[in-house]
Amino acid sequence: MIKNGKVERLDFIVAGAQKSGTTALHYQLERHPQIALPDKEELHFFDDEERFAKGVNYQDLHDSFRPPSRAVAAGESTPAYLYWRPAMERIWSYSKNIKLIILLRNPVDRAFSHWNMQRERGYDTLDFLDAIKAEEQRQKEVAPLQSRRFSYVGRGLYGEQLERVFEYFPRQQIKVVRSDDLRGNFSDVMNAIFNFVGAESLRNIRNKERNPIPYEREIMLEERRRVYGFFHEDITKLEKLLGWDCSSWKI
């Protein structure tokens, strides 16, 4: 909600999932003249444990915006929110009418891309399957919080995470998009997202890959098969929740 050139309440949030195209989506939302976004892509407002332990001040959130003159909707993009357990309740407490946009990618490909990002940044020296095996222990080491860096499997359990979303928000306030659909039918999907948040459609929208991480190698078939085992039950849950056919994700 924007009044007198100032953001009084967010209208939408891009809540996930990491490594599913959220940076490209943020780039396009930022270019729309009717949409206000903060200068920083990921505010991490609703997953900031220290902030909420001290007592949250929503004015800090609103002050991070400088809305363009034609803006009719304000939002932000932090793909960790879908994964971070307390985030949905906090967002609901902030605004029960807020809209959520969620991008979902094949969870095996998402995990491999996430691992590549951590490897490239020097955070993870383990090979892919070794990192997957180590995830449970790494999660225990930061409990009761969740691991941010080493959540290759955890962030891809979409069915479990969407169940949490649906506990707080009605489905008409949530737009779930496949990353493949965004990539393959970019202009139509982007305009559907623009309309969802209350902005007008645009012409001549061009996809441009943002924030690419170079892969040292491609995922191997045996790796794909073994990692898929962590996701197959959750994929079935996701299909039931959304009425999707996720056969292209299955092995």
C-alpha atoms as a PDB file:
ATOM      1  CA  MET A   1       0.000   0.000   0.000  1.00  0.00           C
ATOM      2  CA  ILE A   2       1.444   3.319  -1.124  1.00  0.00           C
ATOM      3  CA  LYS A   3       0.055   6.662   0.085  1.00  0.00           C
ATOM      4  CA  ASN A   4       1.438  10.112  -0.564  1.00  0.00           C
ATOM      5  CA  GLY A   5       4.565   8.641  -2.130  1.00  0.00           C
ATOM      6  CA  LYS A   6       5.384   6.445   0.864  1.00  0.00           C
ATOM      7  CA  VAL A   7       5.052   2.737   1.525  1.00  0.00           C
ATOM      8  CA  GLU A   8       2.654   2.071   4.395  1.00  0.00           C
ATOM      9  CA  ARG A   9       2.319  -1.683   3.905  1.00  0.00           C
ATOM     10  CA  LEU A  10       3.798  -4.252   1.530  1.00  0.00           C
ATOM     11  CA  ASP A  11       1.399  -5.637  -1.059  1.00  0.00           C
ATOM     12  CA  PHE A  12       3.434  -8.710  -1.972  1.00  0.00           C
ATOM     13  CA  ILE A  13       6.537 -10.747  -1.209  1.00  0.00           C
ATOM     14  CA  VAL A  14       8.565 -13.065  -3.436  1.00  0.00           C
ATOM     15  CA  ALA A  15       9.080 -15.712  -0.757  1.00  0.00           C
ATOM     16  CA  GLY A  16      11.054 -18.456  -2.492  1.00  0.00           C
ATOM     17  CA  ALA A  17      12.547 -20.702  -3.448  1.00  0.00           C
ATOM     18  CA  GLN A  18      16.244 -19.953  -3.531  1.00  0.00           C
ATOM     19  CA  LYS A  19      18.032 -20.827  -6.819  1.00  0.00           C
ATOM     20  CA  SER A  20      14.688 -21.009  -8.637  1.00  0.00           C
ATOM     21  CA  GLY A  21      14.818 -17.781 -10.646  1.00  0.00           C
ATOM     22  CA  THR A  22      13.980 -15.232  -7.961  1.00  0.00           C
ATOM     23  CA  THR A  23      16.831 -12.907  -8.952  1.00  0.00           C
ATOM     24  CA  ALA A  24      15.579 -12.746 -12.547  1.00  0.00           C
ATOM     25  CA  LEU A  25      12.060 -12.169 -11.259  1.00  0.00           C
ATOM     26  CA  HIS A  26      13.227  -9.386  -8.947  1.00  0.00           C
ATOM     27  CA  TYR A  27      15.034  -7.741 -11.866  1.00  0.00           C
ATOM     28  CA  GLN A  28      11.818  -7.630 -13.929  1.00  0.00           C
ATOM     29  CA  LEU A  29       9.661  -6.451 -11.030  1.00  0.00           C
ATOM     30  CA  GLU A  30      12.164  -3.688 -10.346  1.00  0.00           C
ATOM     31  CA  ARG A  31      11.880  -2.425 -13.928  1.00  0.00           C
ATOM     32  CA  HIS A  32       8.096  -2.107 -13.822  1.00  0.00           C
ATOM     33  CA  PRO A  33       7.101   1.571 -13.384  1.00  0.00           C
ATOM     34  CA  GLN A  34       4.108   0.682 -11.177  1.00  0.00           C
ATOM     35  CA  ILE A  35       6.024  -1.512  -8.721  1.00  0.00           C
ATOM     36  CA  ALA A  36       8.114  -0.317  -5.785  1.00  0.00           C
ATOM     37  CA  LEU A  37      10.973  -2.493  -4.536  1.00  0.00           C
ATOM     38  CA  PRO A  38      13.744  -1.690  -2.060  1.00  0.00           C
ATOM     39  CA  ASP A  39      17.226  -1.007  -3.399  1.00  0.00           C
ATOM     40  CA  LYS A  40      18.465  -4.235  -1.833  1.00  0.00           C
ATOM     41  CA  GLU A  41      17.131  -7.444  -3.369  1.00  0.00           C
ATOM     42  CA  GLU A  42      16.954  -9.593  -0.215  1.00  0.00           C
ATOM     43  CA  LEU A  43      15.937  -7.654   2.882  1.00  0.00           C
ATOM     44  CA  HIS A  44      15.805 -10.730   5.145  1.00  0.00           C
ATOM     45  CA  PHE A  45      13.393  -8.814   7.355  1.00  0.00           C
ATOM     46  CA  PHE A  46      11.077 -11.647   8.404  1.00  0.00           C
ATOM     47  CA  ASP A  47      13.851 -14.206   8.951  1.00  0.00           C
ATOM     48  CA  ASP A  48      15.979 -11.933  11.139  1.00  0.00           C
ATOM     49  CA  GLU A  49      15.918 -13.672  14.521  1.00  0.00           C
ATOM     50  CA  GLU A  50      17.728 -10.880  16.325  1.00  0.00           C
ATOM     51  CA  ARG A  51      15.264  -8.284  15.049  1.00  0.00           C
ATOM     52  CA  PHE A  52      12.219 -10.232  16.221  1.00  0.00           C
ATOM     53  CA  ALA A  53      13.811 -11.106  19.563  1.00  0.00           C
ATOM     54  CA  LYS A  54      14.311  -7.411  20.301  1.00  0.00           C
ATOM     55  CA  GLY A  55      10.906  -6.285  19.080  1.00  0.00           C
ATOM     56  CA  VAL A  56      10.162  -5.605  15.468  1.00  0.00           C
ATOM     57  CA  ASN A  57       9.741  -2.105  14.057  1.00  0.00           C
ATOM     58  CA  TYR A  58       7.957  -2.243  10.703  1.00  0.00           C
ATOM     59  CA  GLN A  59       8.875   1.341   9.954  1.00  0.00           C
ATOM     60  CA  ASP A  60      12.404   0.093   9.308  1.00  0.00           C
ATOM     61  CA  LEU A  61      10.939  -2.071   6.561  1.00  0.00           C
ATOM     62  CA  HIS A  62       8.894   0.716   4.996  1.00  0.00           C
ATOM     63  CA  ASP A  63      11.761   3.213   5.104  1.00  0.00           C
ATOM     64  CA  SER A  64      13.834   1.002   2.786  1.00  0.00           C
ATOM     65  CA  PHE A  65      11.580   2.004  -0.149  1.00  0.00           C
ATOM     66  CA  ARG A  66      11.695   4.984  -2.487  1.00  0.00           C
ATOM     67  CA  PRO A  67       8.578   4.395  -4.604  1.00  0.00           C
ATOM     68  CA  PRO A  68       8.529   5.622  -8.220  1.00  0.00           C
ATOM     69  CA  SER A  69       5.878   8.225  -8.922  1.00  0.00           C
ATOM     70  CA  ARG A  70       3.550   5.785 -10.715  1.00  0.00           C
ATOM     71  CA  ALA A  71       3.893   2.941  -8.221  1.00  0.00           C
ATOM     72  CA  VAL A  72       0.686   1.178  -7.186  1.00  0.00           C
ATOM     73  CA  ALA A  73       2.187  -1.845  -5.393  1.00  0.00           C
ATOM     74  CA  ALA A  74       5.153  -2.387  -3.091  1.00  0.00           C
ATOM     75  CA  GLY A  75       6.940  -5.641  -2.435  1.00  0.00           C
ATOM     76  CA  GLU A  76      10.207  -7.300  -1.632  1.00  0.00           C
ATOM     77  CA  SER A  77      12.018 -10.526  -2.527  1.00  0.00           C
ATOM     78  CA  THR A  78      13.701 -12.784   0.017  1.00  0.00           C
ATOM     79  CA  PRO A  79      13.633 -16.434  -1.126  1.00  0.00           C
ATOM     80  CA  ALA A  80      14.603 -17.728   2.315  1.00  0.00           C
ATOM     81  CA  TYR A  81      11.130 -16.985   3.698  1.00  0.00           C
ATOM     82  CA  LEU A  82       9.571 -20.134   2.258  1.00  0.00           C
ATOM     83  CA  TYR A  83      12.217 -22.239   3.998  1.00  0.00           C
ATOM     84  CA  TRP A  84      12.533 -20.337   7.289  1.00  0.00           C
ATOM     85  CA  ARG A  85       9.945 -21.824   9.673  1.00  0.00           C
ATOM     86  CA  PRO A  86       8.915 -18.707  11.659  1.00  0.00           C
ATOM     87  CA  ALA A  87       8.707 -16.454   8.592  1.00  0.00           C
ATOM     88  CA  MET A  88       5.162 -17.211   7.446  1.00  0.00           C
ATOM     89  CA  GLU A  89       3.599 -16.540  10.827  1.00  0.00           C
ATOM     90  CA  ARG A  90       5.547 -13.286  11.053  1.00  0.00           C
ATOM     91  CA  ILE A  91       4.419 -12.218   7.585  1.00  0.00           C
ATOM     92  CA  TRP A  92       0.810 -13.111   8.473  1.00  0.00           C
ATOM     93  CA  SER A  93       1.056 -11.044  11.670  1.00  0.00           C
ATOM     94  CA  TYR A  94       2.356  -8.146   9.598  1.00  0.00           C
ATOM     95  CA  SER A  95      -0.381  -8.358   6.951  1.00  0.00           C
ATOM     96  CA  LYS A  96      -3.063 -10.990   6.550  1.00  0.00           C
ATOM     97  CA  ASN A  97      -3.883  -9.671   3.064  1.00  0.00           C
ATOM     98  CA  ILE A  98      -0.384  -9.774   1.599  1.00  0.00           C
ATOM     99  CA  LYS A  99       0.195 -11.721  -1.619  1.00  0.00           C
ATOM    100  CA  LEU A 100       2.991 -14.281  -1.939  1.00  0.00           C
ATOM    101  CA  ILE A 101       4.847 -15.276  -5.101  1.00  0.00           C
ATOM    102  CA  ILE A 102       6.705 -18.572  -4.989  1.00  0.00           C
ATOM    103  CA  LEU A 103       8.934 -20.014  -7.715  1.00  0.00           C
ATOM    104  CA  LEU A 104       9.660 -23.738  -7.617  1.00  0.00           C
ATOM    105  CA  ARG A 105      12.420 -25.536  -9.496  1.00  0.00           C
ATOM    106  CA  ASN A 106      13.115 -29.247  -9.834  1.00  0.00           C
ATOM    107  CA  PRO A 107      14.443 -29.837  -6.287  1.00  0.00           C
ATOM    108  CA  VAL A 108      17.383 -31.976  -7.429  1.00  0.00           C
ATOM    109  CA  ASP A 109      18.547 -29.286  -9.858  1.00  0.00           C
ATOM    110  CA  ARG A 110      17.947 -26.657  -7.187  1.00  0.00           C
ATOM    111  CA  ALA A 111      20.102 -28.586  -4.708  1.00  0.00           C
ATOM    112  CA  PHE A 112      22.917 -28.985  -7.225  1.00  0.00           C
ATOM    113  CA  SER A 113      22.785 -25.276  -8.107  1.00  0.00           C
ATOM    114  CA  HIS A 114      22.787 -24.343  -4.408  1.00  0.00           C
ATOM    115  CA  TRP A 115      25.820 -26.559  -3.783  1.00  0.00           C
ATOM    116  CA  ASN A 116      27.615 -24.976  -6.745  1.00  0.00           C
ATOM    117  CA  MET A 117      26.953 -21.526  -5.317  1.00  0.00           C
ATOM    118  CA  GLN A 118      28.371 -22.504  -1.927  1.00  0.00           C
ATOM    119  CA  ARG A 119      31.370 -24.171  -3.573  1.00  0.00           C
ATOM    120  CA  GLU A 120      32.050 -21.109  -5.726  1.00  0.00           C
ATOM    121  CA  ARG A 121      31.909 -18.859  -2.647  1.00  0.00           C
ATOM    122  CA  GLY A 122      34.286 -21.119  -0.768  1.00  0.00           C
ATOM    123  CA  TYR A 123      31.736 -22.112   1.901  1.00  0.00           C
ATOM    124  CA  ASP A 124      31.600 -25.809   1.077  1.00  0.00           C
ATOM    125  CA  THR A 125      34.604 -27.951   0.196  1.00  0.00           C
ATOM    126  CA  LEU A 126      32.704 -31.248   0.151  1.00  0.00           C
ATOM    127  CA  ASP A 127      31.719 -32.940  -3.085  1.00  0.00           C
ATOM    128  CA  PHE A 128      28.024 -32.881  -3.913  1.00  0.00           C
ATOM    129  CA  LEU A 129      26.940 -36.256  -2.525  1.00  0.00           C
ATOM    130  CA  ASP A 130      29.179 -35.834   0.516  1.00  0.00           C
ATOM    131  CA  ALA A 131      27.545 -32.477   1.194  1.00  0.00           C
ATOM    132  CA  ILE A 132      24.100 -34.072   0.911  1.00  0.00           C
ATOM    133  CA  LYS A 133      25.125 -36.781   3.390  1.00  0.00           C
ATOM    134  CA  ALA A 134      26.539 -34.184   5.797  1.00  0.00           C
ATOM    135  CA  GLU A 135      23.417 -32.020   5.766  1.00  0.00           C
ATOM    136  CA  GLU A 136      21.626 -33.756   8.629  1.00  0.00           C
ATOM    137  CA  GLN A 137      24.626 -33.338  10.951  1.00  0.00           C
ATOM    138  CA  ARG A 138      25.153 -29.761   9.834  1.00  0.00           C
ATOM    139  CA  GLN A 139      21.518 -29.031  10.648  1.00  0.00           C
ATOM    140  CA  LYS A 140      21.940 -30.487  14.120  1.00  0.00           C
ATOM    141  CA  GLU A 141      24.929 -28.237  14.756  1.00  0.00           C
ATOM    142  CA  VAL A 142      22.826 -25.067  14.357  1.00  0.00           C
ATOM    143  CA  ALA A 143      19.596 -26.339  15.944  1.00  0.00           C
ATOM    144  CA  PRO A 144      17.074 -25.101  16.954  1.00  0.00           C
ATOM    145  CA  LEU A 145      17.686 -22.720  14.035  1.00  0.00           C
ATOM    146  CA  GLN A 146      17.939 -23.928  10.449  1.00  0.00           C
ATOM    147  CA  SER A 147      21.111 -24.053   8.426  1.00  0.00           C
ATOM    148  CA  ARG A 148      21.202 -21.313   5.812  1.00  0.00           C
ATOM    149  CA  ARG A 149      24.306 -22.368   3.920  1.00  0.00           C
ATOM    150  CA  PHE A 150      23.957 -26.133   3.965  1.00  0.00           C
ATOM    151  CA  SER A 151      20.280 -26.666   3.231  1.00  0.00           C
ATOM    152  CA  TYR A 152      20.509 -28.391  -0.136  1.00  0.00           C
ATOM    153  CA  VAL A 153      17.752 -30.880   0.653  1.00  0.00           C
ATOM    154  CA  GLY A 154      15.870 -28.798   3.224  1.00  0.00           C
ATOM    155  CA  ARG A 155      15.067 -25.915   0.885  1.00  0.00           C
ATOM    156  CA  GLY A 156      13.730 -28.302  -1.748  1.00  0.00           C
ATOM    157  CA  LEU A 157      11.034 -29.901   0.412  1.00  0.00           C
ATOM    158  CA  TYR A 158       8.374 -27.730  -1.163  1.00  0.00           C
ATOM    159  CA  GLY A 159       5.326 -29.735  -0.138  1.00  0.00           C
ATOM    160  CA  GLU A 160       6.252 -29.475   3.518  1.00  0.00           C
ATOM    161  CA  GLN A 161       6.924 -25.759   3.191  1.00  0.00           C
ATOM    162  CA  LEU A 162       3.738 -24.986   1.266  1.00  0.00           C
ATOM    163  CA  GLU A 163       1.680 -26.778   3.890  1.00  0.00           C
ATOM    164  CA  ARG A 164       3.049 -24.224   6.336  1.00  0.00           C
ATOM    165  CA  VAL A 165       2.178 -21.373   3.959  1.00  0.00           C
ATOM    166  CA  PHE A 166      -1.400 -22.632   3.557  1.00  0.00           C
ATOM    167  CA  GLU A 167      -1.852 -22.697   7.341  1.00  0.00           C
ATOM    168  CA  TYR A 168      -1.728 -18.895   7.277  1.00  0.00           C
ATOM    169  CA  PHE A 169      -2.801 -17.692   3.850  1.00  0.00           C
ATOM    170  CA  PRO A 170      -5.707 -18.523   1.513  1.00  0.00           C
ATOM    171  CA  ARG A 171      -4.693 -19.900  -1.849  1.00  0.00           C
ATOM    172  CA  GLN A 172      -6.016 -16.922  -3.800  1.00  0.00           C
ATOM    173  CA  GLN A 173      -3.258 -14.838  -2.185  1.00  0.00           C
ATOM    174  CA  ILE A 174      -0.519 -17.200  -3.330  1.00  0.00           C
ATOM    175  CA  LYS A 175       0.890 -17.540  -6.835  1.00  0.00           C
ATOM    176  CA  VAL A 176       3.091 -20.602  -7.284  1.00  0.00           C
ATOM    177  CA  VAL A 177       5.072 -20.728 -10.531  1.00  0.00           C
ATOM    178  CA  ARG A 178       7.330 -23.385 -11.989  1.00  0.00           C
ATOM    179  CA  SER A 179      10.751 -22.050 -12.884  1.00  0.00           C
ATOM    180  CA  ASP A 180      10.539 -23.957 -16.175  1.00  0.00           C
ATOM    181  CA  ASP A 181       7.298 -22.153 -17.057  1.00  0.00           C
ATOM    182  CA  LEU A 182       8.844 -18.775 -16.275  1.00  0.00           C
ATOM    183  CA  ARG A 183      11.837 -19.588 -18.455  1.00  0.00           C
ATOM    184  CA  GLY A 184       9.852 -21.150 -21.292  1.00  0.00           C
ATOM    185  CA  ASN A 185       6.961 -18.670 -21.487  1.00  0.00           C
ATOM    186  CA  PHE A 186       8.636 -15.670 -19.968  1.00  0.00           C
ATOM    187  CA  SER A 187       6.527 -12.759 -21.180  1.00  0.00           C
ATOM    188  CA  ASP A 188       3.134 -14.336 -20.431  1.00  0.00           C
ATOM    189  CA  VAL A 189       4.186 -15.592 -16.996  1.00  0.00           C
ATOM    190  CA  MET A 190       5.736 -12.247 -16.044  1.00  0.00           C
ATOM    191  CA  ASN A 191       2.590 -10.384 -17.070  1.00  0.00           C
ATOM    192  CA  ALA A 192       0.498 -12.819 -15.035  1.00  0.00           C
ATOM    193  CA  ILE A 193       2.698 -11.990 -12.040  1.00  0.00           C
ATOM    194  CA  PHE A 194       2.415  -8.247 -12.715  1.00  0.00           C
ATOM    195  CA  ASN A 195      -1.377  -8.544 -12.838  1.00  0.00           C
ATOM    196  CA  PHE A 196      -1.388 -10.662  -9.671  1.00  0.00           C
ATOM    197  CA  VAL A 197       0.240  -7.845  -7.688  1.00  0.00           C
ATOM    198  CA  GLY A 198      -2.020  -5.194  -9.236  1.00  0.00           C
ATOM    199  CA  ALA A 199       0.234  -3.785 -11.956  1.00  0.00           C
ATOM    200  CA  GLU A 200      -0.400  -3.503 -15.685  1.00  0.00           C
ATOM    201  CA  SER A 201       0.957  -5.888 -18.299  1.00  0.00           C
ATOM    202  CA  LEU A 202       4.036  -4.828 -20.259  1.00  0.00           C
ATOM    203  CA  ARG A 203       5.090  -5.437 -23.836  1.00  0.00           C
ATOM    204  CA  ASN A 204       8.429  -6.725 -25.087  1.00  0.00           C
ATOM    205  CA  ILE A 205       9.602  -8.300 -21.839  1.00  0.00           C
ATOM    206  CA  ARG A 206      12.934  -9.996 -22.403  1.00  0.00           C
ATOM    207  CA  ASN A 207      14.413 -12.650 -20.186  1.00  0.00           C
ATOM    208  CA  LYS A 208      17.955 -12.040 -19.049  1.00  0.00           C
ATOM    209  CA  GLU A 209      19.714 -14.513 -16.795  1.00  0.00           C
ATOM    210  CA  ARG A 210      20.739 -12.866 -13.557  1.00  0.00           C
ATOM    211  CA  ASN A 211      23.344 -13.931 -11.028  1.00  0.00           C
ATOM    212  CA  PRO A 212      24.615 -17.014 -12.940  1.00  0.00           C
ATOM    213  CA  ILE A 213      26.943 -19.372 -11.053  1.00  0.00           C
ATOM    214  CA  PRO A 214      29.484 -21.232 -13.213  1.00  0.00           C
ATOM    215  CA  TYR A 215      29.257 -24.982 -12.864  1.00  0.00           C
ATOM    216  CA  GLU A 216      32.518 -26.853 -12.572  1.00  0.00           C
ATOM    217  CA  ARG A 217      30.686 -29.863 -13.980  1.00  0.00           C
ATOM    218  CA  GLU A 218      27.191 -31.135 -14.709  1.00  0.00           C
ATOM    219  CA  ILE A 219      25.266 -33.291 -12.283  1.00  0.00           C
ATOM    220  CA  MET A 220      25.828 -37.002 -12.926  1.00  0.00           C
ATOM    221  CA  LEU A 221      22.965 -39.438 -13.425  1.00  0.00           C
ATOM    222  CA  GLU A 222      23.893 -41.486 -10.359  1.00  0.00           C
ATOM    223  CA  GLU A 223      23.965 -38.315  -8.248  1.00  0.00           C
ATOM    224  CA  ARG A 224      20.562 -37.333  -9.581  1.00  0.00           C
ATOM    225  CA  ARG A 225      19.102 -40.734  -8.745  1.00  0.00           C
ATOM    226  CA  ARG A 226      20.484 -40.778  -5.218  1.00  0.00           C
ATOM    227  CA  VAL A 227      19.450 -37.226  -4.362  1.00  0.00           C
ATOM    228  CA  TYR A 228      15.982 -37.746  -5.853  1.00  0.00           C
ATOM    229  CA  GLY A 229      15.420 -40.320  -3.105  1.00  0.00           C
ATOM    230  CA  PHE A 230      15.302 -37.483  -0.570  1.00  0.00           C
ATOM    231  CA  PHE A 231      12.537 -35.735  -2.508  1.00  0.00           C
ATOM    232  CA  HIS A 232      10.218 -38.311  -4.055  1.00  0.00           C
ATOM    233  CA  GLU A 233       7.693 -38.419  -1.184  1.00  0.00           C
ATOM    234  CA  ASP A 234       7.605 -34.637  -0.910  1.00  0.00           C
ATOM    235  CA  ILE A 235       7.090 -34.275  -4.675  1.00  0.00           C
ATOM    236  CA  THR A 236       4.020 -36.515  -4.376  1.00  0.00           C
ATOM    237  CA  LYS A 237       2.766 -34.288  -1.567  1.00  0.00           C
ATOM    238  CA  LEU A 238       3.348 -31.211  -3.727  1.00  0.00           C
ATOM    239  CA  GLU A 239       1.379 -32.723  -6.612  1.00  0.00           C
ATOM    240  CA  LYS A 240      -1.599 -33.280  -4.311  1.00  0.00           C
ATOM    241  CA  LEU A 241      -1.379 -29.805  -2.797  1.00  0.00           C
ATOM    242  CA  LEU A 242      -1.212 -27.949  -6.112  1.00  0.00           C
ATOM    243  CA  GLY A 243      -2.793 -30.367  -8.551  1.00  0.00           C
ATOM    244  CA  TRP A 244       0.451 -30.366 -10.511  1.00  0.00           C
ATOM    245  CA  ASP A 245       1.960 -33.100 -12.639  1.00  0.00           C
ATOM    246  CA  CYS A 246       5.605 -33.230 -11.600  1.00  0.00           C
ATOM    247  CA  SER A 247       6.519 -36.270 -13.665  1.00  0.00           C
ATOM    248  CA  SER A 248       9.354 -34.330 -15.300  1.00  0.00           C
ATOM    249  CA  TRP A 249      10.996 -34.099 -11.865  1.00  0.00           C
ATOM    250  CA  LYS A 250      10.795 -37.817 -11.236  1.00  0.00           C
ATOM    251  CA  ILE A 251      13.273 -40.581 -12.005  1.00  0.00           C
END
